[in-house]
Amino acid sequence: MTMNTTSSSTSDVMPTIRKASDDLLQGASQAVDSTREHANNMLDKAESKVRELRGNVDPVVDMLACKAQKLARHSLDLAAEAKDRAEQSLKRATTVTSRYVSDQPVRSILIAAGVGAAVALLVTTSRQRNKNRY
């Protein structure tokens, strides 16, 4: 009788265990599905945030590029103006010097000779100093 009772109570318990096992499996499956859905939602939010940030960065990069181009243009304009001023100054100096030489040829030759002699003296003195050093 004990054997029979044990058999019958085991067969009574088996459906309960099977149902509990199925419920546990179903709960685990739902937990996995829920976790997967939550992870997908979080990834969608992250992707959306990345797109938003990229959208915010692109205008800033465009603005900086625009400012850099303006600065480069302004620098080129300033350089062109400086070149024009230097050319005008050189032309004026050339004109004044040419006129002076035309008006005062003897004096111009004497000034040129004096400058040449001064440069020659400086070069000679510099060479002698360098020779004395070594």
C-alpha atoms as a PDB file:
ATOM      1  CA  MET A   1       0.000   0.000   0.000  1.00  0.00           C
ATOM      2  CA  THR A   2       2.827   2.380   0.672  1.00  0.00           C
ATOM      3  CA  MET A   3       4.172   1.770  -2.753  1.00  0.00           C
ATOM      4  CA  ASN A   4       0.811   2.403  -4.322  1.00  0.00           C
ATOM      5  CA  THR A   5       0.308   5.550  -2.316  1.00  0.00           C
ATOM      6  CA  THR A   6       3.731   6.791  -3.271  1.00  0.00           C
ATOM      7  CA  SER A   7       3.055   6.105  -6.940  1.00  0.00           C
ATOM      8  CA  SER A   8      -0.259   7.837  -6.881  1.00  0.00           C
ATOM      9  CA  SER A   9       1.029  10.869  -4.996  1.00  0.00           C
ATOM     10  CA  THR A  10       4.000  11.100  -7.436  1.00  0.00           C
ATOM     11  CA  SER A  11       1.625  10.975 -10.389  1.00  0.00           C
ATOM     12  CA  ASP A  12      -0.516  13.653  -8.677  1.00  0.00           C
ATOM     13  CA  VAL A  13       2.519  15.872  -8.082  1.00  0.00           C
ATOM     14  CA  MET A  14       3.954  15.522 -11.626  1.00  0.00           C
ATOM     15  CA  PRO A  15       1.301  17.677 -13.329  1.00  0.00           C
ATOM     16  CA  THR A  16       1.804  20.322 -10.640  1.00  0.00           C
ATOM     17  CA  ILE A  17       5.569  20.254 -11.125  1.00  0.00           C
ATOM     18  CA  ARG A  18       5.119  20.286 -14.907  1.00  0.00           C
ATOM     19  CA  LYS A  19       2.743  23.281 -14.636  1.00  0.00           C
ATOM     20  CA  ALA A  20       5.133  25.102 -12.280  1.00  0.00           C
ATOM     21  CA  SER A  21       8.004  24.356 -14.668  1.00  0.00           C
ATOM     22  CA  ASP A  22       5.987  25.601 -17.660  1.00  0.00           C
ATOM     23  CA  ASP A  23       4.990  28.740 -15.731  1.00  0.00           C
ATOM     24  CA  LEU A  24       8.628  29.336 -14.782  1.00  0.00           C
ATOM     25  CA  LEU A  25       9.743  28.849 -18.398  1.00  0.00           C
ATOM     26  CA  GLN A  26       6.999  31.157 -19.638  1.00  0.00           C
ATOM     27  CA  GLY A  27       7.974  33.788 -17.021  1.00  0.00           C
ATOM     28  CA  ALA A  28      11.636  33.540 -18.028  1.00  0.00           C
ATOM     29  CA  SER A  29      10.667  33.846 -21.698  1.00  0.00           C
ATOM     30  CA  GLN A  30       8.568  36.927 -20.926  1.00  0.00           C
ATOM     31  CA  ALA A  31      11.455  38.394 -18.914  1.00  0.00           C
ATOM     32  CA  VAL A  32      13.819  37.848 -21.864  1.00  0.00           C
ATOM     33  CA  ASP A  33      11.294  39.412 -24.271  1.00  0.00           C
ATOM     34  CA  SER A  34      10.753  42.335 -21.928  1.00  0.00           C
ATOM     35  CA  THR A  35      14.508  42.836 -21.520  1.00  0.00           C
ATOM     36  CA  ARG A  36      15.009  42.649 -25.292  1.00  0.00           C
ATOM     37  CA  GLU A  37      12.235  45.199 -25.845  1.00  0.00           C
ATOM     38  CA  HIS A  38      13.686  47.505 -23.191  1.00  0.00           C
ATOM     39  CA  ALA A  39      17.175  47.187 -24.712  1.00  0.00           C
ATOM     40  CA  ASN A  40      15.787  47.987 -28.180  1.00  0.00           C
ATOM     41  CA  ASN A  41      13.984  51.043 -26.793  1.00  0.00           C
ATOM     42  CA  MET A  42      17.170  52.236 -25.118  1.00  0.00           C
ATOM     43  CA  LEU A  43      19.139  51.719 -28.345  1.00  0.00           C
ATOM     44  CA  ASP A  44      16.503  53.673 -30.269  1.00  0.00           C
ATOM     45  CA  LYS A  45      16.756  56.506 -27.733  1.00  0.00           C
ATOM     46  CA  ALA A  46      20.558  56.446 -27.953  1.00  0.00           C
ATOM     47  CA  GLU A  47      20.411  56.516 -31.753  1.00  0.00           C
ATOM     48  CA  SER A  48      17.971  59.414 -31.608  1.00  0.00           C
ATOM     49  CA  LYS A  49      20.271  61.292 -29.219  1.00  0.00           C
ATOM     50  CA  VAL A  50      23.278  60.668 -31.495  1.00  0.00           C
ATOM     51  CA  ARG A  51      21.321  62.046 -34.457  1.00  0.00           C
ATOM     52  CA  GLU A  52      20.300  65.060 -32.388  1.00  0.00           C
ATOM     53  CA  LEU A  53      23.888  65.697 -31.290  1.00  0.00           C
ATOM     54  CA  ARG A  54      25.131  65.279 -34.837  1.00  0.00           C
ATOM     55  CA  GLY A  55      22.500  67.785 -35.930  1.00  0.00           C
ATOM     56  CA  ASN A  56      23.776  70.209 -33.274  1.00  0.00           C
ATOM     57  CA  VAL A  57      27.437  69.689 -34.193  1.00  0.00           C
ATOM     58  CA  ASP A  58      27.031  70.147 -37.961  1.00  0.00           C
ATOM     59  CA  PRO A  59      25.825  73.775 -37.707  1.00  0.00           C
ATOM     60  CA  VAL A  60      28.649  74.601 -35.288  1.00  0.00           C
ATOM     61  CA  VAL A  61      31.220  73.114 -37.658  1.00  0.00           C
ATOM     62  CA  ASP A  62      29.648  75.008 -40.562  1.00  0.00           C
ATOM     63  CA  MET A  63      29.704  78.234 -38.548  1.00  0.00           C
ATOM     64  CA  LEU A  64      33.373  77.747 -37.614  1.00  0.00           C
ATOM     65  CA  ALA A  65      34.286  76.968 -41.235  1.00  0.00           C
ATOM     66  CA  CYS A  66      32.452  80.101 -42.363  1.00  0.00           C
ATOM     67  CA  LYS A  67      34.277  82.233 -39.782  1.00  0.00           C
ATOM     68  CA  ALA A  68      37.620  80.719 -40.826  1.00  0.00           C
ATOM     69  CA  GLN A  69      36.886  81.548 -44.472  1.00  0.00           C
ATOM     70  CA  LYS A  70      35.946  85.122 -43.564  1.00  0.00           C
ATOM     71  CA  LEU A  71      39.125  85.492 -41.523  1.00  0.00           C
ATOM     72  CA  ALA A  72      41.217  84.093 -44.389  1.00  0.00           C
ATOM     73  CA  ARG A  73      39.545  86.485 -46.858  1.00  0.00           C
ATOM     74  CA  HIS A  74      40.118  89.421 -44.495  1.00  0.00           C
ATOM     75  CA  SER A  75      43.786  88.443 -44.065  1.00  0.00           C
ATOM     76  CA  LEU A  76      44.251  88.223 -47.835  1.00  0.00           C
ATOM     77  CA  ASP A  77      42.616  91.633 -48.254  1.00  0.00           C
ATOM     78  CA  LEU A  78      44.927  93.151 -45.623  1.00  0.00           C
ATOM     79  CA  ALA A  79      47.970  91.569 -47.264  1.00  0.00           C
ATOM     80  CA  ALA A  80      46.912  92.914 -50.678  1.00  0.00           C
ATOM     81  CA  GLU A  81      46.442  96.403 -49.192  1.00  0.00           C
ATOM     82  CA  ALA A  82      49.872  96.259 -47.526  1.00  0.00           C
ATOM     83  CA  LYS A  83      51.438  95.151 -50.813  1.00  0.00           C
ATOM     84  CA  ASP A  84      49.755  98.029 -52.656  1.00  0.00           C
ATOM     85  CA  ARG A  85      50.958 100.550 -50.050  1.00  0.00           C
ATOM     86  CA  ALA A  86      54.508  99.168 -50.234  1.00  0.00           C
ATOM     87  CA  GLU A  87      54.478  99.368 -54.047  1.00  0.00           C
ATOM     88  CA  GLN A  88      53.233 102.968 -53.898  1.00  0.00           C
ATOM     89  CA  SER A  89      55.924 103.904 -51.356  1.00  0.00           C
ATOM     90  CA  LEU A  90      58.615 102.275 -53.496  1.00  0.00           C
ATOM     91  CA  LYS A  91      57.362 104.104 -56.612  1.00  0.00           C
ATOM     92  CA  ARG A  92      57.388 107.432 -54.738  1.00  0.00           C
ATOM     93  CA  ALA A  93      60.899 106.803 -53.412  1.00  0.00           C
ATOM     94  CA  THR A  94      62.086 105.817 -56.895  1.00  0.00           C
ATOM     95  CA  THR A  95      60.543 108.931 -58.421  1.00  0.00           C
ATOM     96  CA  VAL A  96      62.023 111.225 -55.759  1.00  0.00           C
ATOM     97  CA  THR A  97      65.448 109.591 -56.057  1.00  0.00           C
ATOM     98  CA  SER A  98      65.388 109.754 -59.868  1.00  0.00           C
ATOM     99  CA  ARG A  99      64.413 113.424 -59.767  1.00  0.00           C
ATOM    100  CA  TYR A 100      67.183 114.193 -57.222  1.00  0.00           C
ATOM    101  CA  VAL A 101      69.789 112.404 -59.355  1.00  0.00           C
ATOM    102  CA  SER A 102      68.580 114.294 -62.449  1.00  0.00           C
ATOM    103  CA  ASP A 103      68.638 117.633 -60.660  1.00  0.00           C
ATOM    104  CA  GLN A 104      71.936 117.113 -58.794  1.00  0.00           C
ATOM    105  CA  PRO A 105      74.115 114.573 -60.719  1.00  0.00           C
ATOM    106  CA  VAL A 106      77.486 115.588 -59.187  1.00  0.00           C
ATOM    107  CA  ARG A 107      76.161 115.596 -55.657  1.00  0.00           C
ATOM    108  CA  SER A 108      74.484 112.200 -56.268  1.00  0.00           C
ATOM    109  CA  ILE A 109      77.777 110.704 -57.470  1.00  0.00           C
ATOM    110  CA  LEU A 110      79.596 112.061 -54.422  1.00  0.00           C
ATOM    111  CA  ILE A 111      76.895 110.662 -52.069  1.00  0.00           C
ATOM    112  CA  ALA A 112      77.049 107.257 -53.819  1.00  0.00           C
ATOM    113  CA  ALA A 113      80.852 107.231 -53.547  1.00  0.00           C
ATOM    114  CA  GLY A 114      80.668 108.138 -49.854  1.00  0.00           C
ATOM    115  CA  VAL A 115      78.110 105.398 -49.138  1.00  0.00           C
ATOM    116  CA  GLY A 116      80.224 102.865 -51.088  1.00  0.00           C
ATOM    117  CA  ALA A 117      83.340 103.840 -49.118  1.00  0.00           C
ATOM    118  CA  ALA A 118      81.461 103.536 -45.798  1.00  0.00           C
ATOM    119  CA  VAL A 119      80.159 100.065 -46.728  1.00  0.00           C
ATOM    120  CA  ALA A 120      83.637  98.957 -47.834  1.00  0.00           C
ATOM    121  CA  LEU A 121      85.099 100.203 -44.538  1.00  0.00           C
ATOM    122  CA  LEU A 122      82.446  98.327 -42.524  1.00  0.00           C
ATOM    123  CA  VAL A 123      83.061  95.089 -44.467  1.00  0.00           C
ATOM    124  CA  THR A 124      86.840  95.366 -44.027  1.00  0.00           C
ATOM    125  CA  THR A 125      86.521  96.080 -40.302  1.00  0.00           C
ATOM    126  CA  SER A 126      84.120  93.167 -39.854  1.00  0.00           C
ATOM    127  CA  ARG A 127      86.485  90.755 -41.630  1.00  0.00           C
ATOM    128  CA  GLN A 128      89.436  91.854 -39.498  1.00  0.00           C
ATOM    129  CA  ARG A 129      87.431  91.308 -36.313  1.00  0.00           C
ATOM    130  CA  ASN A 130      86.433  87.820 -37.468  1.00  0.00           C
ATOM    131  CA  LYS A 131      90.073  86.997 -38.288  1.00  0.00           C
ATOM    132  CA  ASN A 132      91.205  88.149 -34.856  1.00  0.00           C
ATOM    133  CA  ARG A 133      88.611  85.999 -33.122  1.00  0.00           C
ATOM    134  CA  TYR A 134      89.852  82.746 -34.632  1.00  0.00           C
END
